[in-house]
Amino acid sequence: MFARLREDIACIFERDPAARNVFEVLTVYPGLHAVILHRVSHRLWGWGLKWLARVLAGFSRWMTGIEIHPGATLGRRFFIDHGMGVVIGETAVIGDDCTIYHGVTLGGTSWNKGKRHPTLGNDVVVGAGAKVLGPITVGNGARIGSNAVVVKNVPKATTVVGIPGRIVKREEPDPKQAKRKAIAAKMGFDAYGTTSDMPDPVAHAINCMLDHIHAMDGRMEDMCKAIKSLGTEFNDLPLPEMRSCEIRSGDEDDLAGERLDSGDAEGVQKPSAANESQGNNS
């Protein structure tokens, strides 16, 4: 028992730079208090003293703001940072060296008895406010981003973000990447959405657009070569450069509208009083 307690204290020093000394950790860290009380209530639950186990779990929730069902299984060196609002369901299983933050829910999606809560592998981190729901498995070394809602299995060593949760990881090198960068440079804008370290839906959409544009560009070049081979002459027009002034954000459009109203925009003169009177007479 004391060996497990020493492990719990040591893991807090490893993962929380705010921890200063052992006495402070033992007295003011609610996550540690909740884990210690859960071990006792879990033992009572296993002995069949379920009512007493639930009473102790309720007392732990009242003291720490962390609700852990006595039936949940916790691994070694489990750290709950801050802890307020954490809910861990009855059939949840948490591996070794896991860390979860405040507001996390390991909940169920069914009223049926049996396995209905998630299983976390080893070395899993669940960010603040995240919801991991249902009898799913989160692989070893996975990371759940803050406020994510995860309802499907998560492979090991991946990161999940968003609502609903989607996997974000560094993809394998894409042979199309060089072509995407080339066509993006030709069009005159920064290919910020084509990098492999930004695998989000916007980047994927831009990648698809660049692939399509590259294919169209190749076809146009082949057509031009075929037309020239027939003896037809025409001027090759260079691809126009997309300058930043051609794409305005909403704020810039609003600002331009204000300038037009005030007559301060470039090339626009506010009508004089004489012109206004002539227009009214006409």
Foldseek 3Di string as FASTA:
>chain_A
DVVLVVLLQVLCVVPPVVDDDDVCCVPPFLQSVLVVLLVVLLVCVVVVVQVVSVVSQVVSCVVRLAHERSQEAEEGNEGEGSHHQEHHDNQEYEYEQEYEYAQEYQEFDDPDDDQGTDYEYYCEYEYHNEYEYTHEYEEACEYEYHNEYEDYHHYHNWYWDDVPTDTADQDDDDPCLVQLCVQCVLQADDLPLSDSNDPDPVSVVSSVVSVVVSVVVVVVVVVVVVVVVVVDDDDDDRNDHDDPVVDDDPVVVVVVVVCQVVQNDPPGHDDDPVVVVVVVVD
